[in-house]
Amino acid sequence: SYGVDGVTIKDFEDSLNERLKMIKMKLKAGNYHFNKLRLHL
């Protein structure tokens, strides 16, 4: 499964450390925001 940004598990894993550090930075700064949801019928 993947979300509206089209990023797959494999895509995420290819740059895992950088992506996790970015999430951490945004959470700590208080400016992390969730993407909209992808609908699957």
PDB file of all heavy atoms in Angstrom:
ATOM      1  N   SER A   1       0.822  -1.208   0.000  1.00  0.00           N
ATOM      2  CA  SER A   1       0.000   0.000   0.000  1.00  0.00           C
ATOM      3  C   SER A   1       0.858   1.262   0.000  1.00  0.00           C
ATOM      4  O   SER A   1       1.995   1.264   0.458  1.00  0.00           O
ATOM      5  CB  SER A   1      -0.936   0.002   1.213  1.00  0.00           C
ATOM      6  OG  SER A   1      -0.205   0.015   2.404  1.00  0.00           O
ATOM      7  N   TYR A   2       0.292   2.333  -0.505  1.00  0.00           N
ATOM      8  CA  TYR A   2       0.966   3.628  -0.560  1.00  0.00           C
ATOM      9  C   TYR A   2      -0.080   4.722  -0.431  1.00  0.00           C
ATOM     10  O   TYR A   2      -1.272   4.485  -0.586  1.00  0.00           O
ATOM     11  CB  TYR A   2       1.736   3.772  -1.881  1.00  0.00           C
ATOM     12  CG  TYR A   2       0.846   3.601  -3.098  1.00  0.00           C
ATOM     13  CD1 TYR A   2       0.212   4.701  -3.673  1.00  0.00           C
ATOM     14  CD2 TYR A   2       0.623   2.346  -3.647  1.00  0.00           C
ATOM     15  CE1 TYR A   2      -0.626   4.547  -4.762  1.00  0.00           C
ATOM     16  CE2 TYR A   2      -0.214   2.188  -4.743  1.00  0.00           C
ATOM     17  CZ  TYR A   2      -0.835   3.282  -5.294  1.00  0.00           C
ATOM     18  OH  TYR A   2      -1.680   3.135  -6.364  1.00  0.00           O
ATOM     19  N   GLY A   3       0.378   5.937  -0.129  1.00  0.00           N
ATOM     20  CA  GLY A   3      -0.535   7.051   0.078  1.00  0.00           C
ATOM     21  C   GLY A   3      -0.654   7.949  -1.129  1.00  0.00           C
ATOM     22  O   GLY A   3      -0.249   7.592  -2.239  1.00  0.00           O
ATOM     23  N   VAL A   4      -1.185   9.164  -0.927  1.00  0.00           N
ATOM     24  CA  VAL A   4      -1.424  10.087  -2.049  1.00  0.00           C
ATOM     25  C   VAL A   4      -0.134  10.578  -2.688  1.00  0.00           C
ATOM     26  O   VAL A   4      -0.128  10.987  -3.850  1.00  0.00           O
ATOM     27  CB  VAL A   4      -2.261  11.309  -1.592  1.00  0.00           C
ATOM     28  CG1 VAL A   4      -3.663  10.893  -1.197  1.00  0.00           C
ATOM     29  CG2 VAL A   4      -1.579  12.060  -0.461  1.00  0.00           C
ATOM     30  N   ASP A   5       0.970  10.522  -1.923  1.00  0.00           N
ATOM     31  CA  ASP A   5       2.248  10.991  -2.485  1.00  0.00           C
ATOM     32  C   ASP A   5       2.896   9.961  -3.402  1.00  0.00           C
ATOM     33  O   ASP A   5       3.903  10.246  -4.057  1.00  0.00           O
ATOM     34  CB  ASP A   5       3.219  11.391  -1.370  1.00  0.00           C
ATOM     35  CG  ASP A   5       3.487  10.261  -0.375  1.00  0.00           C
ATOM     36  OD1 ASP A   5       2.996   9.133  -0.597  1.00  0.00           O
ATOM     37  OD2 ASP A   5       4.181  10.518   0.632  1.00  0.00           O
ATOM     38  N   GLY A   6       2.339   8.748  -3.467  1.00  0.00           N
ATOM     39  CA  GLY A   6       2.859   7.711  -4.357  1.00  0.00           C
ATOM     40  C   GLY A   6       4.110   7.013  -3.864  1.00  0.00           C
ATOM     41  O   GLY A   6       4.632   6.121  -4.529  1.00  0.00           O
ATOM     42  N   VAL A   7       4.597   7.410  -2.694  1.00  0.00           N
ATOM     43  CA  VAL A   7       5.827   6.811  -2.152  1.00  0.00           C
ATOM     44  C   VAL A   7       5.526   5.414  -1.621  1.00  0.00           C
ATOM     45  O   VAL A   7       4.655   5.230  -0.770  1.00  0.00           O
ATOM     46  CB  VAL A   7       6.418   7.692  -1.017  1.00  0.00           C
ATOM     47  CG1 VAL A   7       7.627   7.010  -0.383  1.00  0.00           C
ATOM     48  CG2 VAL A   7       6.802   9.059  -1.562  1.00  0.00           C
ATOM     49  N   THR A   8       6.247   4.419  -2.144  1.00  0.00           N
ATOM     50  CA  THR A   8       6.057   3.031  -1.719  1.00  0.00           C
ATOM     51  C   THR A   8       7.015   2.698  -0.571  1.00  0.00           C
ATOM     52  O   THR A   8       7.912   3.486  -0.243  1.00  0.00           O
ATOM     53  CB  THR A   8       6.329   2.066  -2.877  1.00  0.00           C
ATOM     54  OG1 THR A   8       7.715   2.166  -3.246  1.00  0.00           O
ATOM     55  CG2 THR A   8       5.450   2.386  -4.079  1.00  0.00           C
ATOM     56  N   ILE A   9       6.824   1.518   0.003  1.00  0.00           N
ATOM     57  CA  ILE A   9       7.724   1.043   1.053  1.00  0.00           C
ATOM     58  C   ILE A   9       9.162   0.994   0.532  1.00  0.00           C
ATOM     59  O   ILE A   9      10.097   1.406   1.219  1.00  0.00           O
ATOM     60  CB  ILE A   9       7.289  -0.356   1.552  1.00  0.00           C
ATOM     61  CG1 ILE A   9       6.005  -0.259   2.388  1.00  0.00           C
ATOM     62  CG2 ILE A   9       8.396  -1.026   2.359  1.00  0.00           C
ATOM     63  CD1 ILE A   9       6.170   0.352   3.756  1.00  0.00           C
ATOM     64  N   LYS A  10       9.332   0.505  -0.697  1.00  0.00           N
ATOM     65  CA  LYS A  10      10.676   0.413  -1.287  1.00  0.00           C
ATOM     66  C   LYS A  10      11.289   1.795  -1.466  1.00  0.00           C
ATOM     67  O   LYS A  10      12.465   2.015  -1.159  1.00  0.00           O
ATOM     68  CB  LYS A  10      10.613  -0.313  -2.627  1.00  0.00           C
ATOM     69  CG  LYS A  10      11.993  -0.566  -3.239  1.00  0.00           C
ATOM     70  CD  LYS A  10      11.898  -1.250  -4.582  1.00  0.00           C
ATOM     71  CE  LYS A  10      13.286  -1.499  -5.158  1.00  0.00           C
ATOM     72  NZ  LYS A  10      14.111  -0.271  -5.275  1.00  0.00           N
ATOM     73  N   ASP A  11      10.483   2.742  -1.974  1.00  0.00           N
ATOM     74  CA  ASP A  11      10.972   4.119  -2.146  1.00  0.00           C
ATOM     75  C   ASP A  11      11.438   4.684  -0.806  1.00  0.00           C
ATOM     76  O   ASP A  11      12.506   5.308  -0.726  1.00  0.00           O
ATOM     77  CB  ASP A  11       9.860   5.029  -2.694  1.00  0.00           C
ATOM     78  CG  ASP A  11       9.408   4.630  -4.084  1.00  0.00           C
ATOM     79  OD1 ASP A  11      10.208   4.031  -4.815  1.00  0.00           O
ATOM     80  OD2 ASP A  11       8.237   4.905  -4.423  1.00  0.00           O
ATOM     81  N   PHE A  12      10.630   4.478   0.208  1.00  0.00           N
ATOM     82  CA  PHE A  12      10.945   5.023   1.529  1.00  0.00           C
ATOM     83  C   PHE A  12      12.216   4.397   2.082  1.00  0.00           C
ATOM     84  O   PHE A  12      13.071   5.084   2.639  1.00  0.00           O
ATOM     85  CB  PHE A  12       9.773   4.783   2.489  1.00  0.00           C
ATOM     86  CG  PHE A  12       9.777   5.662   3.697  1.00  0.00           C
ATOM     87  CD1 PHE A  12       9.070   6.855   3.715  1.00  0.00           C
ATOM     88  CD2 PHE A  12      10.515   5.322   4.826  1.00  0.00           C
ATOM     89  CE1 PHE A  12       9.088   7.684   4.827  1.00  0.00           C
ATOM     90  CE2 PHE A  12      10.538   6.135   5.942  1.00  0.00           C
ATOM     91  CZ  PHE A  12       9.826   7.326   5.952  1.00  0.00           C
ATOM     92  N   GLU A  13      12.339   3.094   1.883  1.00  0.00           N
ATOM     93  CA  GLU A  13      13.495   2.373   2.437  1.00  0.00           C
ATOM     94  C   GLU A  13      14.798   2.780   1.752  1.00  0.00           C
ATOM     95  O   GLU A  13      15.870   2.733   2.366  1.00  0.00           O
ATOM     96  CB  GLU A  13      13.274   0.869   2.307  1.00  0.00           C
ATOM     97  CG  GLU A  13      14.234   0.028   3.124  1.00  0.00           C
ATOM     98  CD  GLU A  13      13.751  -1.385   3.308  1.00  0.00           C
ATOM     99  OE1 GLU A  13      12.982  -1.885   2.450  1.00  0.00           O
ATOM    100  OE2 GLU A  13      14.123  -2.004   4.319  1.00  0.00           O
ATOM    101  N   ASP A  14      14.711   3.180   0.487  1.00  0.00           N
ATOM    102  CA  ASP A  14      15.919   3.571  -0.261  1.00  0.00           C
ATOM    103  C   ASP A  14      16.615   4.777   0.362  1.00  0.00           C
ATOM    104  O   ASP A  14      17.824   4.966   0.196  1.00  0.00           O
ATOM    105  CB  ASP A  14      15.555   3.878  -1.725  1.00  0.00           C
ATOM    106  CG  ASP A  14      15.260   2.603  -2.516  1.00  0.00           C
ATOM    107  OD1 ASP A  14      15.653   1.509  -2.042  1.00  0.00           O
ATOM    108  OD2 ASP A  14      14.640   2.705  -3.585  1.00  0.00           O
ATOM    109  N   SER A  15      15.851   5.628   1.044  1.00  0.00           N
ATOM    110  CA  SER A  15      16.454   6.784   1.733  1.00  0.00           C
ATOM    111  C   SER A  15      15.900   6.854   3.160  1.00  0.00           C
ATOM    112  O   SER A  15      15.470   7.910   3.612  1.00  0.00           O
ATOM    113  CB  SER A  15      16.160   8.071   0.970  1.00  0.00           C
ATOM    114  OG  SER A  15      14.776   8.216   0.727  1.00  0.00           O
ATOM    115  N   LEU A  16      15.901   5.721   3.829  1.00  0.00           N
ATOM    116  CA  LEU A  16      15.251   5.570   5.127  1.00  0.00           C
ATOM    117  C   LEU A  16      15.749   6.564   6.171  1.00  0.00           C
ATOM    118  O   LEU A  16      14.956   7.284   6.789  1.00  0.00           O
ATOM    119  CB  LEU A  16      15.441   4.135   5.637  1.00  0.00           C
ATOM    120  CG  LEU A  16      14.859   3.827   7.021  1.00  0.00           C
ATOM    121  CD1 LEU A  16      13.347   3.998   7.011  1.00  0.00           C
ATOM    122  CD2 LEU A  16      15.227   2.405   7.451  1.00  0.00           C
ATOM    123  N   ASN A  17      17.052   6.598   6.401  1.00  0.00           N
ATOM    124  CA  ASN A  17      17.595   7.440   7.476  1.00  0.00           C
ATOM    125  C   ASN A  17      17.287   8.917   7.261  1.00  0.00           C
ATOM    126  O   ASN A  17      16.921   9.633   8.205  1.00  0.00           O
ATOM    127  CB  ASN A  17      19.108   7.225   7.602  1.00  0.00           C
ATOM    128  CG  ASN A  17      19.434   5.850   8.163  1.00  0.00           C
ATOM    129  OD1 ASN A  17      18.654   5.279   8.922  1.00  0.00           O
ATOM    130  ND2 ASN A  17      20.583   5.305   7.779  1.00  0.00           N
ATOM    131  N   GLU A  18      17.444   9.366   6.014  1.00  0.00           N
ATOM    132  CA  GLU A  18      17.176  10.777   5.717  1.00  0.00           C
ATOM    133  C   GLU A  18      15.698  11.108   5.946  1.00  0.00           C
ATOM    134  O   GLU A  18      15.373  12.166   6.508  1.00  0.00           O
ATOM    135  CB  GLU A  18      17.549  11.095   4.259  1.00  0.00           C
ATOM    136  CG  GLU A  18      19.039  11.046   3.959  1.00  0.00           C
ATOM    137  CD  GLU A  18      19.545   9.630   3.702  1.00  0.00           C
ATOM    138  OE1 GLU A  18      18.733   8.665   3.802  1.00  0.00           O
ATOM    139  OE2 GLU A  18      20.746   9.482   3.420  1.00  0.00           O
ATOM    140  N   ARG A  19      14.824  10.206   5.535  1.00  0.00           N
ATOM    141  CA  ARG A  19      13.385  10.447   5.685  1.00  0.00           C
ATOM    142  C   ARG A  19      12.978  10.462   7.158  1.00  0.00           C
ATOM    143  O   ARG A  19      12.177  11.296   7.590  1.00  0.00           O
ATOM    144  CB  ARG A  19      12.593   9.383   4.926  1.00  0.00           C
ATOM    145  CG  ARG A  19      12.660   9.524   3.407  1.00  0.00           C
ATOM    146  CD  ARG A  19      11.859   8.414   2.731  1.00  0.00           C
ATOM    147  NE  ARG A  19      11.972   8.422   1.286  1.00  0.00           N
ATOM    148  CZ  ARG A  19      11.183   9.097   0.456  1.00  0.00           C
ATOM    149  NH1 ARG A  19      10.215   9.849   0.951  1.00  0.00           N
ATOM    150  NH2 ARG A  19      11.348   9.036  -0.850  1.00  0.00           N
ATOM    151  N   LEU A  20      13.512   9.522   7.937  1.00  0.00           N
ATOM    152  CA  LEU A  20      13.177   9.475   9.363  1.00  0.00           C
ATOM    153  C   LEU A  20      13.695  10.708  10.095  1.00  0.00           C
ATOM    154  O   LEU A  20      13.019  11.247  10.981  1.00  0.00           O
ATOM    155  CB  LEU A  20      13.749   8.205  10.000  1.00  0.00           C
ATOM    156  CG  LEU A  20      13.103   6.875   9.587  1.00  0.00           C
ATOM    157  CD1 LEU A  20      13.761   5.710  10.326  1.00  0.00           C
ATOM    158  CD2 LEU A  20      11.601   6.876   9.850  1.00  0.00           C
ATOM    159  N   LYS A  21      14.886  11.166   9.719  1.00  0.00           N
ATOM    160  CA  LYS A  21      15.442  12.383  10.343  1.00  0.00           C
ATOM    161  C   LYS A  21      14.589  13.605  10.012  1.00  0.00           C
ATOM    162  O   LYS A  21      14.404  14.496  10.849  1.00  0.00           O
ATOM    163  CB  LYS A  21      16.888  12.588   9.888  1.00  0.00           C
ATOM    164  CG  LYS A  21      17.871  11.614  10.524  1.00  0.00           C
ATOM    165  CD  LYS A  21      19.277  11.801   9.974  1.00  0.00           C
ATOM    166  CE  LYS A  21      20.239  10.779  10.579  1.00  0.00           C
ATOM    167  NZ  LYS A  21      21.605  10.876   9.986  1.00  0.00           N
ATOM    168  N   MET A  22      14.074  13.649   8.786  1.00  0.00           N
ATOM    169  CA  MET A  22      13.215  14.768   8.386  1.00  0.00           C
ATOM    170  C   MET A  22      11.908  14.755   9.184  1.00  0.00           C
ATOM    171  O   MET A  22      11.425  15.798   9.644  1.00  0.00           O
ATOM    172  CB  MET A  22      12.922  14.689   6.885  1.00  0.00           C
ATOM    173  CG  MET A  22      12.040  15.812   6.352  1.00  0.00           C
ATOM    174  SD  MET A  22      12.775  17.457   6.572  1.00  0.00           S
ATOM    175  CE  MET A  22      14.119  17.366   5.374  1.00  0.00           C
ATOM    176  N   ILE A  23      11.328  13.552   9.364  1.00  0.00           N
ATOM    177  CA  ILE A  23      10.106  13.430  10.168  1.00  0.00           C
ATOM    178  C   ILE A  23      10.373  13.910  11.596  1.00  0.00           C
ATOM    179  O   ILE A  23       9.594  14.670  12.170  1.00  0.00           O
ATOM    180  CB  ILE A  23       9.610  11.968  10.180  1.00  0.00           C
ATOM    181  CG1 ILE A  23       9.129  11.556   8.790  1.00  0.00           C
ATOM    182  CG2 ILE A  23       8.475  11.794  11.204  1.00  0.00           C
ATOM    183  CD1 ILE A  23       8.799  10.078   8.665  1.00  0.00           C
ATOM    184  N   LYS A  24      11.487  13.466  12.157  1.00  0.00           N
ATOM    185  CA  LYS A  24      11.845  13.859  13.527  1.00  0.00           C
ATOM    186  C   LYS A  24      11.973  15.375  13.642  1.00  0.00           C
ATOM    187  O   LYS A  24      11.448  15.984  14.589  1.00  0.00           O
ATOM    188  CB  LYS A  24      13.163  13.198  13.932  1.00  0.00           C
ATOM    189  CG  LYS A  24      13.658  13.645  15.298  1.00  0.00           C
ATOM    190  CD  LYS A  24      15.021  13.065  15.641  1.00  0.00           C
ATOM    191  CE  LYS A  24      15.502  13.620  16.983  1.00  0.00           C
ATOM    192  NZ  LYS A  24      16.804  13.053  17.395  1.00  0.00           N
ATOM    193  N   MET A  25      12.658  15.975  12.683  1.00  0.00           N
ATOM    194  CA  MET A  25      12.889  17.418  12.714  1.00  0.00           C
ATOM    195  C   MET A  25      11.563  18.187  12.673  1.00  0.00           C
ATOM    196  O   MET A  25      11.348  19.129  13.442  1.00  0.00           O
ATOM    197  CB  MET A  25      13.765  17.825  11.526  1.00  0.00           C
ATOM    198  CG  MET A  25      14.160  19.289  11.515  1.00  0.00           C
ATOM    199  SD  MET A  25      15.206  19.697  10.098  1.00  0.00           S
ATOM    200  CE  MET A  25      13.998  19.616   8.765  1.00  0.00           C
ATOM    201  N   LYS A  26      10.658  17.763  11.799  1.00  0.00           N
ATOM    202  CA  LYS A  26       9.366  18.453  11.679  1.00  0.00           C
ATOM    203  C   LYS A  26       8.508  18.265  12.929  1.00  0.00           C
ATOM    204  O   LYS A  26       7.833  19.194  13.373  1.00  0.00           O
ATOM    205  CB  LYS A  26       8.624  17.941  10.444  1.00  0.00           C
ATOM    206  CG  LYS A  26       9.219  18.431   9.128  1.00  0.00           C
ATOM    207  CD  LYS A  26       8.371  17.975   7.942  1.00  0.00           C
ATOM    208  CE  LYS A  26       8.916  18.541   6.639  1.00  0.00           C
ATOM    209  NZ  LYS A  26       8.094  18.129   5.476  1.00  0.00           N
ATOM    210  N   LEU A  27       8.532  17.061  13.503  1.00  0.00           N
ATOM    211  CA  LEU A  27       7.772  16.812  14.724  1.00  0.00           C
ATOM    212  C   LEU A  27       8.293  17.674  15.873  1.00  0.00           C
ATOM    213  O   LEU A  27       7.516  18.277  16.614  1.00  0.00           O
ATOM    214  CB  LEU A  27       7.846  15.329  15.103  1.00  0.00           C
ATOM    215  CG  LEU A  27       7.020  14.351  14.270  1.00  0.00           C
ATOM    216  CD1 LEU A  27       7.396  12.911  14.597  1.00  0.00           C
ATOM    217  CD2 LEU A  27       5.523  14.567  14.496  1.00  0.00           C
ATOM    218  N   LYS A  28       9.604  17.735  16.007  1.00  0.00           N
ATOM    219  CA  LYS A  28      10.214  18.514  17.091  1.00  0.00           C
ATOM    220  C   LYS A  28       9.943  20.006  16.929  1.00  0.00           C
ATOM    221  O   LYS A  28       9.760  20.731  17.909  1.00  0.00           O
ATOM    222  CB  LYS A  28      11.728  18.268  17.128  1.00  0.00           C
ATOM    223  CG  LYS A  28      12.124  16.837  17.483  1.00  0.00           C
ATOM    224  CD  LYS A  28      12.040  16.554  18.958  1.00  0.00           C
ATOM    225  CE  LYS A  28      13.199  17.154  19.715  1.00  0.00           C
ATOM    226  NZ  LYS A  28      13.135  16.792  21.160  1.00  0.00           N
ATOM    227  N   ALA A  29       9.901  20.448  15.659  1.00  0.00           N
ATOM    228  CA  ALA A  29       9.675  21.873  15.383  1.00  0.00           C
ATOM    229  C   ALA A  29       8.195  22.248  15.469  1.00  0.00           C
ATOM    230  O   ALA A  29       7.850  23.434  15.440  1.00  0.00           O
ATOM    231  CB  ALA A  29      10.228  22.221  14.005  1.00  0.00           C
ATOM    232  N   GLY A  30       7.335  21.235  15.556  1.00  0.00           N
ATOM    233  CA  GLY A  30       5.901  21.497  15.648  1.00  0.00           C
ATOM    234  C   GLY A  30       5.244  21.835  14.331  1.00  0.00           C
ATOM    235  O   GLY A  30       4.143  22.392  14.298  1.00  0.00           O
ATOM    236  N   ASN A  31       5.916  21.513  13.208  1.00  0.00           N
ATOM    237  CA  ASN A  31       5.323  21.826  11.897  1.00  0.00           C
ATOM    238  C   ASN A  31       5.135  20.582  11.027  1.00  0.00           C
ATOM    239  O   ASN A  31       5.188  20.669   9.799  1.00  0.00           O
ATOM    240  CB  ASN A  31       6.147  22.889  11.155  1.00  0.00           C
ATOM    241  CG  ASN A  31       7.585  22.456  10.909  1.00  0.00           C
ATOM    242  OD1 ASN A  31       7.947  21.302  11.130  1.00  0.00           O
ATOM    243  ND2 ASN A  31       8.409  23.385  10.437  1.00  0.00           N
ATOM    244  N   TYR A  32       4.941  19.433  11.674  1.00  0.00           N
ATOM    245  CA  TYR A  32       4.608  18.236  10.899  1.00  0.00           C
ATOM    246  C   TYR A  32       3.109  18.245  10.608  1.00  0.00           C
ATOM    247  O   TYR A  32       2.285  18.446  11.506  1.00  0.00           O
ATOM    248  CB  TYR A  32       4.953  16.947  11.670  1.00  0.00           C
ATOM    249  CG  TYR A  32       4.744  15.697  10.832  1.00  0.00           C
ATOM    250  CD1 TYR A  32       5.781  15.155  10.098  1.00  0.00           C
ATOM    251  CD2 TYR A  32       3.490  15.093  10.743  1.00  0.00           C
ATOM    252  CE1 TYR A  32       5.593  14.040   9.294  1.00  0.00           C
ATOM    253  CE2 TYR A  32       3.283  13.974   9.940  1.00  0.00           C
ATOM    254  CZ  TYR A  32       4.339  13.462   9.224  1.00  0.00           C
ATOM    255  OH  TYR A  32       4.147  12.356   8.419  1.00  0.00           O
ATOM    256  N   HIS A  33       2.757  18.017   9.339  1.00  0.00           N
ATOM    257  CA  HIS A  33       1.350  17.963   8.949  1.00  0.00           C
ATOM    258  C   HIS A  33       1.095  16.712   8.113  1.00  0.00           C
ATOM    259  O   HIS A  33       1.939  16.310   7.309  1.00  0.00           O
ATOM    260  CB  HIS A  33       0.941  19.217   8.168  1.00  0.00           C
ATOM    261  CG  HIS A  33       1.055  20.468   8.983  1.00  0.00           C
ATOM    262  ND1 HIS A  33       0.174  20.775  10.003  1.00  0.00           N
ATOM    263  CD2 HIS A  33       1.962  21.486   8.945  1.00  0.00           C
ATOM    264  CE1 HIS A  33       0.529  21.922  10.559  1.00  0.00           C
ATOM    265  NE2 HIS A  33       1.601  22.371   9.941  1.00  0.00           N
ATOM    266  N   PHE A  34      -0.064  16.118   8.305  1.00  0.00           N
ATOM    267  CA  PHE A  34      -0.408  14.875   7.618  1.00  0.00           C
ATOM    268  C   PHE A  34      -0.904  15.139   6.205  1.00  0.00           C
ATOM    269  O   PHE A  34      -1.605  16.120   5.952  1.00  0.00           O
ATOM    270  CB  PHE A  34      -1.482  14.112   8.407  1.00  0.00           C
ATOM    271  CG  PHE A  34      -0.999  13.592   9.725  1.00  0.00           C
ATOM    272  CD1 PHE A  34      -1.140  14.353  10.883  1.00  0.00           C
ATOM    273  CD2 PHE A  34      -0.377  12.356   9.816  1.00  0.00           C
ATOM    274  CE1 PHE A  34      -0.688  13.883  12.112  1.00  0.00           C
ATOM    275  CE2 PHE A  34       0.085  11.882  11.041  1.00  0.00           C
ATOM    276  CZ  PHE A  34      -0.074  12.644  12.188  1.00  0.00           C
ATOM    277  N   ASN A  35      -0.521  14.245   5.281  1.00  0.00           N
ATOM    278  CA  ASN A  35      -1.057  14.288   3.925  1.00  0.00           C
ATOM    279  C   ASN A  35      -2.541  13.927   3.949  1.00  0.00           C
ATOM    280  O   ASN A  35      -3.016  13.287   4.890  1.00  0.00           O
ATOM    281  CB  ASN A  35      -0.328  13.273   3.029  1.00  0.00           C
ATOM    282  CG  ASN A  35       1.113  13.656   2.779  1.00  0.00           C
ATOM    283  OD1 ASN A  35       1.395  14.677   2.170  1.00  0.00           O
ATOM    284  ND2 ASN A  35       2.033  12.822   3.241  1.00  0.00           N
ATOM    285  N   LYS A  36      -3.238  14.307   2.897  1.00  0.00           N
ATOM    286  CA  LYS A  36      -4.609  13.826   2.735  1.00  0.00           C
ATOM    287  C   LYS A  36      -4.574  12.308   2.525  1.00  0.00           C
ATOM    288  O   LYS A  36      -3.523  11.728   2.255  1.00  0.00           O
ATOM    289  CB  LYS A  36      -5.284  14.512   1.540  1.00  0.00           C
ATOM    290  CG  LYS A  36      -5.566  15.998   1.760  1.00  0.00           C
ATOM    291  CD  LYS A  36      -6.612  16.188   2.852  1.00  0.00           C
ATOM    292  CE  LYS A  36      -6.969  17.651   3.036  1.00  0.00           C
ATOM    293  NZ  LYS A  36      -7.960  17.842   4.116  1.00  0.00           N
ATOM    294  N   LEU A  37      -5.723  11.674   2.638  1.00  0.00           N
ATOM    295  CA  LEU A  37      -5.803  10.220   2.547  1.00  0.00           C
ATOM    296  C   LEU A  37      -6.152   9.771   1.130  1.00  0.00           C
ATOM    297  O   LEU A  37      -6.890  10.455   0.419  1.00  0.00           O
ATOM    298  CB  LEU A  37      -6.864   9.701   3.515  1.00  0.00           C
ATOM    299  CG  LEU A  37      -6.683  10.114   4.984  1.00  0.00           C
ATOM    300  CD1 LEU A  37      -7.947   9.821   5.777  1.00  0.00           C
ATOM    301  CD2 LEU A  37      -5.492   9.404   5.597  1.00  0.00           C
ATOM    302  N   ARG A  38      -5.591   8.621   0.743  1.00  0.00           N
ATOM    303  CA  ARG A  38      -5.935   8.033  -0.563  1.00  0.00           C
ATOM    304  C   ARG A  38      -7.089   7.059  -0.367  1.00  0.00           C
ATOM    305  O   ARG A  38      -7.020   6.159   0.464  1.00  0.00           O
ATOM    306  CB  ARG A  38      -4.736   7.304  -1.176  1.00  0.00           C
ATOM    307  CG  ARG A  38      -5.017   6.684  -2.551  1.00  0.00           C
ATOM    308  CD  ARG A  38      -3.759   6.107  -3.161  1.00  0.00           C
ATOM    309  NE  ARG A  38      -3.318   4.913  -2.482  1.00  0.00           N
ATOM    310  CZ  ARG A  38      -3.744   3.672  -2.754  1.00  0.00           C
ATOM    311  NH1 ARG A  38      -4.682   3.475  -3.674  1.00  0.00           N
ATOM    312  NH2 ARG A  38      -3.256   2.637  -2.086  1.00  0.00           N
ATOM    313  N   LEU A  39      -8.137   7.228  -1.161  1.00  0.00           N
ATOM    314  CA  LEU A  39      -9.310   6.358  -1.041  1.00  0.00           C
ATOM    315  C   LEU A  39      -9.123   5.096  -1.874  1.00  0.00           C
ATOM    316  O   LEU A  39      -8.766   5.154  -3.050  1.00  0.00           O
ATOM    317  CB  LEU A  39     -10.564   7.100  -1.506  1.00  0.00           C
ATOM    318  CG  LEU A  39     -11.894   6.330  -1.407  1.00  0.00           C
ATOM    319  CD1 LEU A  39     -12.260   6.078   0.051  1.00  0.00           C
ATOM    320  CD2 LEU A  39     -13.007   7.100  -2.107  1.00  0.00           C
ATOM    321  N   HIS A  40      -9.367   3.947  -1.250  1.00  0.00           N
ATOM    322  CA  HIS A  40      -9.335   2.665  -1.951  1.00  0.00           C
ATOM    323  C   HIS A  40     -10.692   2.004  -1.759  1.00  0.00           C
ATOM    324  O   HIS A  40     -11.096   1.717  -0.634  1.00  0.00           O
ATOM    325  CB  HIS A  40      -8.221   1.775  -1.391  1.00  0.00           C
ATOM    326  CG  HIS A  40      -8.129   0.431  -2.042  1.00  0.00           C
ATOM    327  ND1 HIS A  40      -8.048   0.273  -3.407  1.00  0.00           N
ATOM    328  CD2 HIS A  40      -8.114  -0.827  -1.525  1.00  0.00           C
ATOM    329  CE1 HIS A  40      -7.978  -1.013  -3.704  1.00  0.00           C
ATOM    330  NE2 HIS A  40      -8.027  -1.703  -2.575  1.00  0.00           N
ATOM    331  N   LEU A  41     -11.407   1.796  -2.860  1.00  0.00           N
ATOM    332  CA  LEU A  41     -12.750   1.217  -2.805  1.00  0.00           C
ATOM    333  C   LEU A  41     -12.673  -0.285  -3.073  1.00  0.00           C
ATOM    334  O   LEU A  41     -12.213  -0.714  -4.130  1.00  0.00           O
ATOM    335  CB  LEU A  41     -13.663   1.894  -3.834  1.00  0.00           C
ATOM    336  CG  LEU A  41     -13.932   3.387  -3.596  1.00  0.00           C
ATOM    337  CD1 LEU A  41     -14.674   3.993  -4.780  1.00  0.00           C
ATOM    338  CD2 LEU A  41     -14.735   3.599  -2.317  1.00  0.00           C
TER     339      LEU A  41
END
